[in-house]
N, C-alpha and C. Protein backbone atom coordinates (compact mmCIF):
# COMPACT_ATOMS: atom_id res chain seq x y z
N UNK A 1 -152.29 -49.74 -3.81
CA UNK A 1 -153.77 -49.50 -2.92
C UNK A 1 -154.36 -49.92 -4.05
N UNK A 2 -155.73 -50.73 -4.10
CA UNK A 2 -156.46 -50.89 -5.44
C UNK A 2 -157.20 -49.87 -5.82
N UNK A 3 -157.75 -49.80 -7.23
CA UNK A 3 -158.82 -48.70 -7.73
C UNK A 3 -159.95 -48.20 -6.48
N UNK A 4 -160.56 -49.08 -6.39
CA UNK A 4 -161.95 -48.80 -4.90
C UNK A 4 -161.34 -47.91 -4.13
N UNK A 5 -159.97 -48.66 -3.14
CA UNK A 5 -159.90 -47.83 -2.24
C UNK A 5 -159.11 -46.27 -2.84
N UNK A 6 -158.57 -46.23 -3.51
CA UNK A 6 -158.16 -44.74 -3.88
C UNK A 6 -159.56 -44.11 -4.02
N UNK A 7 -160.18 -44.38 -5.07
CA UNK A 7 -161.21 -43.67 -5.19
C UNK A 7 -162.11 -43.05 -3.97
N UNK A 8 -162.15 -44.07 -2.91
CA UNK A 8 -162.68 -43.82 -1.82
C UNK A 8 -161.69 -42.77 -0.79
N UNK A 9 -160.41 -43.15 -1.28
CA UNK A 9 -159.46 -42.12 -0.35
C UNK A 9 -159.48 -40.59 -1.30
N UNK A 10 -159.89 -40.50 -2.22
CA UNK A 10 -160.16 -39.17 -3.19
C UNK A 10 -161.34 -38.84 -2.93
N UNK A 11 -162.47 -39.20 -2.45
CA UNK A 11 -163.80 -38.78 -2.34
C UNK A 11 -163.20 -38.29 -0.53
N UNK A 12 -162.99 -38.94 -0.13
CA UNK A 12 -162.92 -38.55 1.51
C UNK A 12 -161.80 -37.21 1.32
N UNK A 13 -160.44 -36.83 0.54
CA UNK A 13 -160.28 -35.87 0.57
C UNK A 13 -160.98 -34.29 0.11
N UNK A 14 -162.02 -35.00 -0.72
CA UNK A 14 -162.52 -33.68 -1.65
C UNK A 14 -163.36 -33.38 -0.47
N UNK A 15 -163.88 -34.22 0.66
CA UNK A 15 -165.03 -33.97 1.73
C UNK A 15 -164.33 -33.30 2.74
N UNK A 16 -163.25 -33.70 3.20
CA UNK A 16 -162.50 -33.16 4.14
C UNK A 16 -161.75 -32.71 4.18
N UNK A 17 -161.01 -31.83 2.76
CA UNK A 17 -160.06 -31.13 3.10
C UNK A 17 -160.07 -29.75 3.82
N UNK A 18 -161.26 -29.37 2.97
CA UNK A 18 -161.50 -28.05 3.37
C UNK A 18 -161.91 -27.92 5.02
N UNK A 19 -162.82 -28.08 5.29
CA UNK A 19 -162.82 -28.45 6.88
C UNK A 19 -161.61 -28.80 7.48
N UNK A 20 -160.65 -29.89 7.62
CA UNK A 20 -159.47 -29.86 8.05
C UNK A 20 -158.57 -28.53 8.07
N UNK A 21 -158.63 -27.94 6.65
CA UNK A 21 -158.07 -26.62 6.63
C UNK A 21 -158.13 -25.22 7.20
N UNK A 22 -159.50 -25.30 7.33
CA UNK A 22 -160.23 -24.12 8.66
C UNK A 22 -159.88 -24.75 9.95
N UNK A 23 -160.03 -26.01 10.53
CA UNK A 23 -159.36 -26.35 12.05
C UNK A 23 -158.08 -26.23 12.20
N UNK A 24 -157.28 -26.55 10.68
CA UNK A 24 -155.70 -26.14 11.22
C UNK A 24 -155.46 -24.62 11.23
N UNK A 25 -156.12 -23.67 10.05
CA UNK A 25 -156.10 -22.57 10.52
C UNK A 25 -156.27 -21.33 11.88
N UNK A 26 -157.31 -22.10 12.72
CA UNK A 26 -157.79 -21.73 13.88
C UNK A 26 -156.87 -22.25 14.90
N UNK A 27 -156.08 -23.17 14.37
CA UNK A 27 -155.06 -23.64 15.60
C UNK A 27 -153.88 -22.98 15.33
N UNK A 28 -153.65 -22.49 13.96
CA UNK A 28 -152.06 -21.94 13.80
C UNK A 28 -152.45 -20.53 13.55
N UNK A 29 -153.63 -20.01 12.94
CA UNK A 29 -153.64 -18.40 12.73
C UNK A 29 -152.80 -17.68 11.29
N UNK A 30 -152.41 -19.05 10.62
CA UNK A 30 -151.64 -18.29 9.37
C UNK A 30 -152.23 -19.98 8.42
N UNK A 31 -152.90 -19.25 7.27
CA UNK A 31 -153.37 -20.30 6.08
C UNK A 31 -152.43 -21.01 5.44
N UNK A 32 -151.19 -20.73 5.00
CA UNK A 32 -150.04 -20.83 4.59
C UNK A 32 -149.93 -21.87 5.35
N UNK A 33 -149.37 -22.02 6.50
CA UNK A 33 -149.16 -23.33 7.65
C UNK A 33 -150.32 -24.20 7.52
N UNK A 34 -151.43 -23.70 7.50
CA UNK A 34 -152.84 -24.84 7.66
C UNK A 34 -152.73 -25.56 6.07
N UNK A 35 -152.14 -24.59 5.28
CA UNK A 35 -151.93 -25.48 3.88
C UNK A 35 -151.29 -26.79 3.72
N UNK A 36 -149.98 -26.38 4.69
CA UNK A 36 -148.69 -27.14 5.04
C UNK A 36 -149.37 -28.43 5.82
N UNK A 37 -150.00 -27.97 6.70
CA UNK A 37 -150.52 -28.97 7.79
C UNK A 37 -151.13 -30.26 6.73
N UNK A 38 -152.09 -29.79 6.29
CA UNK A 38 -153.42 -30.32 5.72
C UNK A 38 -152.61 -31.46 4.94
N UNK A 39 -151.70 -30.58 3.88
CA UNK A 39 -151.19 -31.54 2.48
C UNK A 39 -150.40 -32.69 3.70
N UNK A 40 -149.59 -32.54 4.36
CA UNK A 40 -149.03 -33.31 5.13
C UNK A 40 -149.93 -34.57 6.00
N UNK A 41 -150.70 -33.75 6.42
CA UNK A 41 -151.98 -35.00 6.86
C UNK A 41 -152.50 -35.95 5.90
N UNK A 42 -152.88 -35.48 4.89
CA UNK A 42 -153.19 -36.24 3.79
C UNK A 42 -152.30 -37.15 3.35
N UNK A 43 -151.40 -36.74 3.28
CA UNK A 43 -150.15 -37.41 2.45
C UNK A 43 -149.79 -38.48 3.54
N UNK A 44 -150.11 -38.34 4.74
CA UNK A 44 -149.97 -39.64 6.04
C UNK A 44 -150.82 -40.18 6.14
N UNK A 45 -151.91 -39.70 5.49
CA UNK A 45 -153.35 -40.28 5.66
C UNK A 45 -153.35 -41.46 4.38
N UNK A 46 -152.95 -41.09 3.28
CA UNK A 46 -153.08 -41.62 2.28
C UNK A 46 -152.34 -42.95 2.38
N UNK A 47 -150.68 -42.63 2.85
CA UNK A 47 -150.05 -44.26 3.13
C UNK A 47 -150.51 -45.17 4.21
N UNK A 48 -151.60 -44.83 5.18
CA UNK A 48 -152.04 -45.91 5.69
C UNK A 48 -153.37 -45.85 5.28
N UNK A 49 -154.10 -45.56 4.44
CA UNK A 49 -155.32 -45.33 4.00
C UNK A 49 -155.95 -46.98 4.28
N UNK A 50 -155.65 -47.82 3.86
CA UNK A 50 -156.53 -49.14 3.83
C UNK A 50 -156.54 -49.41 5.20
N UNK A 51 -155.68 -49.62 6.00
CA UNK A 51 -155.80 -49.55 7.68
C UNK A 51 -157.25 -48.65 8.13
N UNK A 52 -156.47 -47.69 8.24
CA UNK A 52 -157.49 -46.21 8.70
C UNK A 52 -159.16 -46.40 8.34
N UNK A 53 -159.36 -46.52 7.06
CA UNK A 53 -160.29 -46.65 6.50
C UNK A 53 -161.46 -47.65 6.85
N UNK A 54 -160.44 -48.88 6.70
CA UNK A 54 -161.33 -50.27 7.42
C UNK A 54 -161.69 -50.07 9.06
N UNK A 55 -161.11 -49.21 9.93
CA UNK A 55 -161.40 -48.93 11.12
C UNK A 55 -162.56 -47.46 11.45
N UNK A 56 -162.70 -47.12 10.13
CA UNK A 56 -163.59 -46.10 10.14
C UNK A 56 -163.50 -44.80 10.53
N UNK A 57 -162.04 -44.41 10.87
CA UNK A 57 -161.73 -43.09 11.63
C UNK A 57 -161.02 -42.49 10.77
N UNK A 58 -160.99 -42.01 9.57
CA UNK A 58 -159.79 -41.52 8.92
C UNK A 58 -160.22 -39.87 9.12
N UNK A 59 -161.00 -39.21 9.80
CA UNK A 59 -161.17 -37.90 10.13
C UNK A 59 -160.31 -37.72 11.60
N UNK A 60 -160.50 -38.53 12.48
CA UNK A 60 -159.84 -38.55 13.76
C UNK A 60 -158.19 -38.53 13.61
N UNK A 61 -157.88 -39.45 12.61
CA UNK A 61 -156.67 -39.73 12.56
C UNK A 61 -155.85 -38.31 12.15
N UNK A 62 -156.75 -38.24 11.03
CA UNK A 62 -156.11 -36.83 10.07
C UNK A 62 -156.15 -35.23 11.21
N UNK A 63 -157.12 -35.79 11.96
CA UNK A 63 -156.90 -34.49 12.74
C UNK A 63 -155.85 -34.75 13.99
N UNK A 64 -155.43 -35.88 14.50
CA UNK A 64 -154.64 -36.18 15.56
C UNK A 64 -153.11 -35.50 14.68
N UNK A 65 -153.23 -35.91 13.15
CA UNK A 65 -152.17 -35.61 12.63
C UNK A 65 -151.70 -34.08 12.20
N UNK A 66 -152.58 -33.28 12.40
CA UNK A 66 -152.60 -32.06 11.96
C UNK A 66 -152.18 -31.48 13.59
N UNK A 67 -152.84 -31.97 14.29
CA UNK A 67 -152.27 -31.45 15.75
C UNK A 67 -150.76 -31.77 16.04
N UNK A 68 -150.57 -33.14 15.96
CA UNK A 68 -148.85 -33.21 15.95
C UNK A 68 -148.09 -32.54 15.09
N UNK A 69 -148.38 -32.50 14.03
CA UNK A 69 -147.40 -31.42 13.26
C UNK A 69 -147.53 -30.03 13.13
N UNK A 70 -148.38 -29.62 13.98
CA UNK A 70 -148.42 -28.31 14.66
C UNK A 70 -147.72 -28.25 15.87
N UNK A 71 -148.03 -29.09 16.55
CA UNK A 71 -147.36 -28.96 18.16
C UNK A 71 -145.33 -28.96 17.74
N UNK A 72 -145.40 -30.06 16.91
CA UNK A 72 -143.88 -30.12 16.51
C UNK A 72 -143.26 -29.07 15.19
N UNK A 73 -144.51 -28.18 14.85
CA UNK A 73 -143.79 -26.94 13.87
C UNK A 73 -143.07 -25.97 14.92
N UNK A 74 -144.30 -26.17 16.15
CA UNK A 74 -143.82 -24.86 17.04
C UNK A 74 -142.96 -25.25 18.14
N UNK A 75 -142.74 -26.11 18.22
CA UNK A 75 -141.66 -26.93 18.88
C UNK A 75 -139.93 -26.51 18.32
N UNK A 76 -140.13 -26.64 17.21
CA UNK A 76 -138.73 -26.54 16.40
C UNK A 76 -138.69 -24.98 15.64
N UNK A 77 -138.80 -23.95 16.06
CA UNK A 77 -138.66 -22.57 15.66
C UNK A 77 -137.39 -22.47 14.63
N UNK A 78 -136.12 -23.37 14.37
CA UNK A 78 -135.61 -23.00 13.32
C UNK A 78 -135.90 -23.67 12.06
N UNK A 79 -137.02 -24.38 12.34
CA UNK A 79 -137.57 -24.76 10.69
C UNK A 79 -139.02 -23.87 10.08
N UNK A 80 -139.22 -22.95 11.09
CA UNK A 80 -140.16 -21.55 10.62
C UNK A 80 -139.28 -20.87 9.65
N UNK A 81 -140.59 -20.27 8.58
CA UNK A 81 -139.83 -19.32 7.85
C UNK A 81 -139.69 -18.14 8.31
N UNK A 82 -138.89 -17.38 8.06
CA UNK A 82 -139.19 -16.02 7.99
C UNK A 82 -140.00 -15.14 7.52
N UNK A 83 -140.71 -14.30 8.71
CA UNK A 83 -142.15 -13.44 7.84
C UNK A 83 -141.11 -12.04 6.99
N UNK A 84 -141.50 -12.18 5.88
CA UNK A 84 -141.25 -10.76 5.52
C UNK A 84 -142.55 -9.39 5.46
N UNK A 85 -141.73 -8.38 5.10
CA UNK A 85 -142.31 -7.47 4.97
C UNK A 85 -143.79 -6.98 4.54
N UNK A 86 -143.72 -7.31 2.83
CA UNK A 86 -144.43 -7.26 1.82
C UNK A 86 -144.77 -8.60 1.39
N UNK A 87 -146.06 -8.82 1.60
CA UNK A 87 -147.25 -9.70 1.35
C UNK A 87 -147.09 -10.67 -0.24
N UNK A 88 -147.43 -11.38 -0.44
CA UNK A 88 -147.41 -11.92 -1.64
C UNK A 88 -149.00 -11.20 -2.52
N UNK A 89 -148.67 -11.08 -3.70
CA UNK A 89 -149.84 -10.22 -4.47
C UNK A 89 -151.24 -11.13 -4.35
N UNK A 90 -151.43 -12.42 -4.61
CA UNK A 90 -152.63 -12.83 -4.21
C UNK A 90 -152.80 -13.59 -2.87
N UNK A 91 -153.42 -13.11 -2.39
CA UNK A 91 -153.90 -13.64 -1.18
C UNK A 91 -155.30 -14.51 -1.01
N UNK A 92 -155.30 -15.46 -0.27
CA UNK A 92 -156.36 -16.40 -0.19
C UNK A 92 -157.58 -16.27 0.42
N UNK A 93 -158.69 -15.65 0.10
CA UNK A 93 -159.96 -15.71 1.05
C UNK A 93 -159.96 -16.21 2.36
N UNK A 94 -160.15 -16.08 3.74
CA UNK A 94 -160.38 -16.66 4.49
C UNK A 94 -161.71 -17.08 4.42
N UNK A 95 -162.20 -17.94 4.61
CA UNK A 95 -163.58 -18.34 4.53
C UNK A 95 -163.96 -19.44 6.03
N UNK A 96 -165.41 -19.74 5.96
CA UNK A 96 -165.96 -20.62 6.74
C UNK A 96 -166.02 -19.83 8.10
N UNK A 97 -166.78 -18.56 8.11
CA UNK A 97 -166.89 -17.75 9.02
C UNK A 97 -168.43 -17.48 8.48
N UNK A 98 -169.24 -17.36 9.47
CA UNK A 98 -170.87 -17.20 9.35
C UNK A 98 -170.99 -16.34 8.62
N UNK A 99 -172.17 -15.55 8.04
CA UNK A 99 -172.39 -14.75 7.14
C UNK A 99 -172.28 -13.66 7.98
N UNK A 100 -171.70 -12.33 7.42
CA UNK A 100 -171.63 -11.33 8.62
C UNK A 100 -170.61 -11.31 9.89
N UNK A 101 -170.18 -12.20 9.92
CA UNK A 101 -169.24 -12.07 11.13
C UNK A 101 -167.72 -11.88 10.42
N UNK A 102 -167.30 -10.96 11.00
CA UNK A 102 -165.72 -11.00 10.80
C UNK A 102 -164.76 -11.23 11.68
N UNK A 103 -164.32 -12.73 11.39
CA UNK A 103 -163.49 -13.45 12.58
C UNK A 103 -162.23 -13.13 12.77
N UNK A 104 -161.77 -11.76 12.49
CA UNK A 104 -160.68 -11.23 12.44
C UNK A 104 -160.19 -11.42 13.68
N UNK A 105 -160.70 -10.96 14.39
CA UNK A 105 -160.32 -10.26 16.10
C UNK A 105 -160.34 -11.66 16.94
N UNK A 106 -161.12 -12.56 16.48
CA UNK A 106 -161.01 -13.96 17.12
C UNK A 106 -160.10 -14.70 16.58
N UNK A 107 -159.89 -14.61 15.65
CA UNK A 107 -158.48 -15.19 14.79
C UNK A 107 -157.07 -14.86 15.21
N UNK A 108 -157.02 -13.59 15.31
CA UNK A 108 -155.83 -13.11 15.92
C UNK A 108 -156.04 -13.19 17.53
N UNK A 109 -157.34 -12.82 18.37
CA UNK A 109 -157.09 -13.43 19.55
C UNK A 109 -156.50 -14.98 19.88
N UNK A 110 -157.14 -15.80 19.32
CA UNK A 110 -156.70 -17.01 19.43
C UNK A 110 -155.03 -17.25 19.25
N UNK A 111 -154.30 -16.39 18.73
CA UNK A 111 -152.76 -16.48 18.25
C UNK A 111 -152.36 -16.22 19.79
N UNK A 112 -152.86 -15.82 20.98
CA UNK A 112 -152.67 -15.67 22.20
C UNK A 112 -152.64 -16.75 22.88
N UNK A 113 -153.84 -17.66 22.53
CA UNK A 113 -154.00 -18.96 23.28
C UNK A 113 -152.56 -20.11 23.13
N UNK A 114 -151.85 -20.86 24.16
CA UNK A 114 -151.06 -21.47 23.72
C UNK A 114 -151.51 -22.83 22.57
N UNK A 115 -150.13 -23.17 22.09
CA UNK A 115 -150.69 -24.57 20.88
C UNK A 115 -151.82 -25.55 21.58
N UNK A 116 -151.42 -26.00 22.76
CA UNK A 116 -152.57 -27.13 23.05
C UNK A 116 -153.66 -26.49 23.65
N UNK A 117 -153.97 -25.58 24.41
CA UNK A 117 -154.98 -25.31 24.71
C UNK A 117 -155.59 -24.71 23.57
N UNK A 118 -155.18 -24.05 22.51
CA UNK A 118 -155.89 -23.81 21.13
C UNK A 118 -156.19 -24.98 20.20
N UNK A 119 -155.54 -26.08 20.51
CA UNK A 119 -156.18 -26.96 19.60
C UNK A 119 -157.42 -27.93 20.45
N UNK A 120 -157.12 -27.53 21.88
CA UNK A 120 -158.06 -28.23 22.41
C UNK A 120 -159.16 -27.16 22.17
N UNK A 121 -159.19 -26.16 22.06
CA UNK A 121 -160.55 -25.32 21.92
C UNK A 121 -161.15 -25.29 20.45
N UNK A 122 -160.44 -25.82 19.22
CA UNK A 122 -160.70 -25.34 18.19
C UNK A 122 -161.24 -26.89 18.01
N UNK A 123 -160.74 -28.44 18.20
CA UNK A 123 -161.41 -29.07 18.50
C UNK A 123 -162.93 -29.41 19.02
N UNK A 124 -162.79 -28.91 20.71
CA UNK A 124 -163.96 -28.81 21.12
C UNK A 124 -165.13 -27.97 20.53
N UNK A 125 -164.56 -26.74 20.15
CA UNK A 125 -165.64 -25.60 19.99
C UNK A 125 -166.03 -25.44 18.37
N UNK A 126 -165.12 -25.75 17.54
CA UNK A 126 -164.85 -25.69 16.16
C UNK A 126 -165.45 -26.72 15.51
N UNK A 127 -164.83 -27.90 15.88
CA UNK A 127 -165.25 -29.41 15.32
C UNK A 127 -166.15 -30.12 16.12
N UNK A 128 -166.76 -29.54 17.15
CA UNK A 128 -167.57 -29.98 17.77
C UNK A 128 -167.40 -31.58 18.26
N UNK A 129 -166.26 -32.08 18.89
CA UNK A 129 -166.01 -32.99 19.14
C UNK A 129 -166.18 -33.70 20.34
N UNK A 130 -166.77 -34.29 21.20
CA UNK A 130 -166.82 -34.51 22.62
C UNK A 130 -165.07 -34.61 23.71
N UNK A 131 -165.47 -34.27 24.88
CA UNK A 131 -164.00 -34.43 25.42
C UNK A 131 -163.29 -35.66 25.32
N UNK A 132 -163.96 -36.59 24.88
CA UNK A 132 -163.31 -38.33 24.63
C UNK A 132 -162.85 -38.43 23.07
N UNK A 133 -163.22 -38.09 22.45
CA UNK A 133 -162.83 -37.65 21.05
C UNK A 133 -161.37 -36.69 21.01
N UNK A 134 -161.84 -35.79 21.78
CA UNK A 134 -160.54 -34.59 21.70
C UNK A 134 -159.61 -35.55 22.44
N UNK A 135 -159.47 -35.98 23.40
CA UNK A 135 -158.34 -36.64 24.24
C UNK A 135 -157.79 -37.75 23.47
N UNK A 136 -158.50 -38.54 22.48
CA UNK A 136 -157.97 -39.48 22.22
C UNK A 136 -157.06 -38.69 20.97
N UNK A 137 -157.54 -37.70 19.95
CA UNK A 137 -156.80 -37.10 19.28
C UNK A 137 -155.56 -36.15 19.88
N UNK A 138 -155.68 -35.67 20.84
CA UNK A 138 -154.55 -34.78 21.69
C UNK A 138 -153.67 -35.78 22.14
N UNK A 139 -154.03 -37.14 22.46
CA UNK A 139 -152.97 -38.04 23.17
C UNK A 139 -153.16 -37.73 24.72
N UNK A 140 -154.40 -37.58 25.49
CA UNK A 140 -153.89 -37.30 26.85
C UNK A 140 -155.41 -37.30 27.47
N UNK A 141 -155.40 -37.58 28.83
CA UNK A 141 -156.58 -37.83 29.29
C UNK A 141 -157.87 -36.89 28.92
N UNK A 142 -159.21 -37.22 29.39
CA UNK A 142 -160.03 -36.10 29.51
C UNK A 142 -159.98 -35.19 30.60
N UNK A 143 -159.34 -35.40 31.56
CA UNK A 143 -159.31 -34.31 32.53
C UNK A 143 -158.50 -32.74 31.95
N UNK A 144 -157.52 -33.47 31.11
CA UNK A 144 -156.32 -32.55 30.45
C UNK A 144 -157.07 -31.78 29.56
N UNK A 145 -158.16 -32.43 28.60
CA UNK A 145 -158.93 -32.01 27.67
C UNK A 145 -159.70 -30.45 28.51
N UNK A 146 -160.41 -31.57 29.37
CA UNK A 146 -161.34 -30.38 30.19
C UNK A 146 -160.55 -29.01 30.85
N UNK A 147 -159.47 -29.17 31.31
CA UNK A 147 -158.66 -28.30 31.82
C UNK A 147 -157.90 -27.08 30.65
N UNK A 148 -157.19 -27.68 29.62
CA UNK A 148 -156.77 -27.27 29.21
C UNK A 148 -157.76 -26.20 27.93
N UNK A 149 -159.25 -26.84 27.92
CA UNK A 149 -160.11 -25.65 27.43
C UNK A 149 -160.59 -24.97 27.91
N UNK A 150 -160.46 -24.77 29.42
CA UNK A 150 -161.10 -23.91 30.35
C UNK A 150 -160.07 -23.11 30.44
N UNK A 151 -158.89 -23.35 30.48
CA UNK A 151 -157.22 -22.74 30.47
C UNK A 151 -157.79 -21.57 29.05
N UNK A 152 -158.00 -22.35 27.80
CA UNK A 152 -157.86 -21.82 26.34
C UNK A 152 -158.88 -20.52 26.65
N UNK A 153 -160.17 -20.99 26.92
CA UNK A 153 -161.12 -20.04 27.08
C UNK A 153 -160.87 -18.83 27.70
N UNK A 154 -159.98 -18.92 28.78
CA UNK A 154 -160.26 -17.81 29.66
C UNK A 154 -159.13 -17.12 28.99
N UNK A 155 -158.13 -17.80 28.30
CA UNK A 155 -157.19 -16.76 27.69
C UNK A 155 -157.20 -16.22 26.65
N UNK A 156 -158.10 -16.76 25.74
CA UNK A 156 -159.07 -16.33 24.48
C UNK A 156 -160.38 -15.09 24.73
N UNK A 157 -160.76 -15.21 26.29
CA UNK A 157 -161.75 -14.32 26.50
C UNK A 157 -160.87 -13.23 27.06
N UNK A 158 -159.76 -13.25 27.76
CA UNK A 158 -158.63 -12.06 27.87
C UNK A 158 -158.29 -11.09 26.86
N UNK A 159 -158.00 -11.95 25.76
CA UNK A 159 -157.75 -11.47 24.38
C UNK A 159 -158.49 -10.38 23.60
N UNK A 160 -160.03 -11.04 23.44
CA UNK A 160 -160.77 -10.32 22.97
C UNK A 160 -161.12 -9.38 23.88
N UNK A 161 -161.14 -9.16 25.22
CA UNK A 161 -161.34 -7.87 26.22
C UNK A 161 -160.22 -6.87 25.73
N UNK A 162 -158.97 -7.48 25.64
CA UNK A 162 -158.16 -6.56 25.29
C UNK A 162 -158.49 -5.68 24.21
N UNK A 163 -159.04 -6.46 23.25
CA UNK A 163 -159.29 -5.92 21.84
C UNK A 163 -160.79 -5.15 22.08
N UNK A 164 -161.43 -4.99 23.15
CA UNK A 164 -162.53 -4.32 23.68
C UNK A 164 -164.06 -5.20 23.30
N UNK A 165 -163.66 -6.80 22.99
CA UNK A 165 -164.84 -7.39 22.86
C UNK A 165 -164.95 -8.25 24.03
N UNK A 166 -166.30 -8.15 24.65
CA UNK A 166 -166.71 -8.53 25.90
C UNK A 166 -167.94 -9.80 25.72
N UNK A 167 -168.25 -10.41 26.37
CA UNK A 167 -169.33 -11.28 26.07
C UNK A 167 -169.48 -12.12 25.24
N UNK A 168 -170.48 -12.80 24.84
CA UNK A 168 -170.61 -13.40 23.61
C UNK A 168 -169.97 -14.86 23.42
N UNK A 169 -169.36 -15.16 24.39
CA UNK A 169 -168.42 -16.50 24.40
C UNK A 169 -169.32 -17.65 25.11
N UNK A 170 -169.74 -18.45 24.23
CA UNK A 170 -170.53 -19.45 25.12
C UNK A 170 -169.80 -20.35 25.49
N UNK A 171 -170.24 -21.17 26.60
CA UNK A 171 -169.41 -21.88 27.43
C UNK A 171 -169.18 -23.09 26.48
N UNK A 172 -168.38 -24.30 26.74
CA UNK A 172 -168.10 -25.51 26.10
C UNK A 172 -168.81 -26.64 26.59
N UNK A 173 -169.38 -27.61 26.06
CA UNK A 173 -169.96 -28.38 26.70
C UNK A 173 -169.29 -29.53 27.25
N UNK A 174 -169.73 -29.82 28.76
CA UNK A 174 -168.79 -30.80 29.03
C UNK A 174 -169.06 -32.11 29.19
N UNK A 175 -169.81 -32.54 28.20
CA UNK A 175 -169.95 -34.11 27.82
C UNK A 175 -168.96 -34.77 27.35
N UNK A 176 -169.03 -36.15 27.59
CA UNK A 176 -167.90 -37.07 27.31
C UNK A 176 -168.83 -38.16 26.20
């Protein structure tokens, strides 16, 4: 890779790493796994940067990699790390929430949503992508995105209601 392309890649990583990390966290509910997913995604984007940057879609490509890595991770339970009773001394701060909003209940409720539905929700609601863009990233039809989003919202509402949180869930735009 030449210096100009490498400079462009570095600028892209600096601008997009945190938003990718927050989206990955919302999909998996684990900051450490989110970091791993984003690190792997960035490495894969680097390997094809000249081709992806020319097409002008590195964000979509990186999001698709994150989703695919997460689904792959969930399919292979033997790859997962074993949880421990005691947490490490230093824990990263959860960022990205609106001021005054405690997203703990929402994030924990998202864990009740199946991975594909969770990915559809995060891409549609958090990333504010269209149905078509989400379908391209997930590698499915627009109808599947709509049904996965609808089912995911229903599951999320149920999980939130079990925590005593009702209402306030805005409908997702069904525009393409």
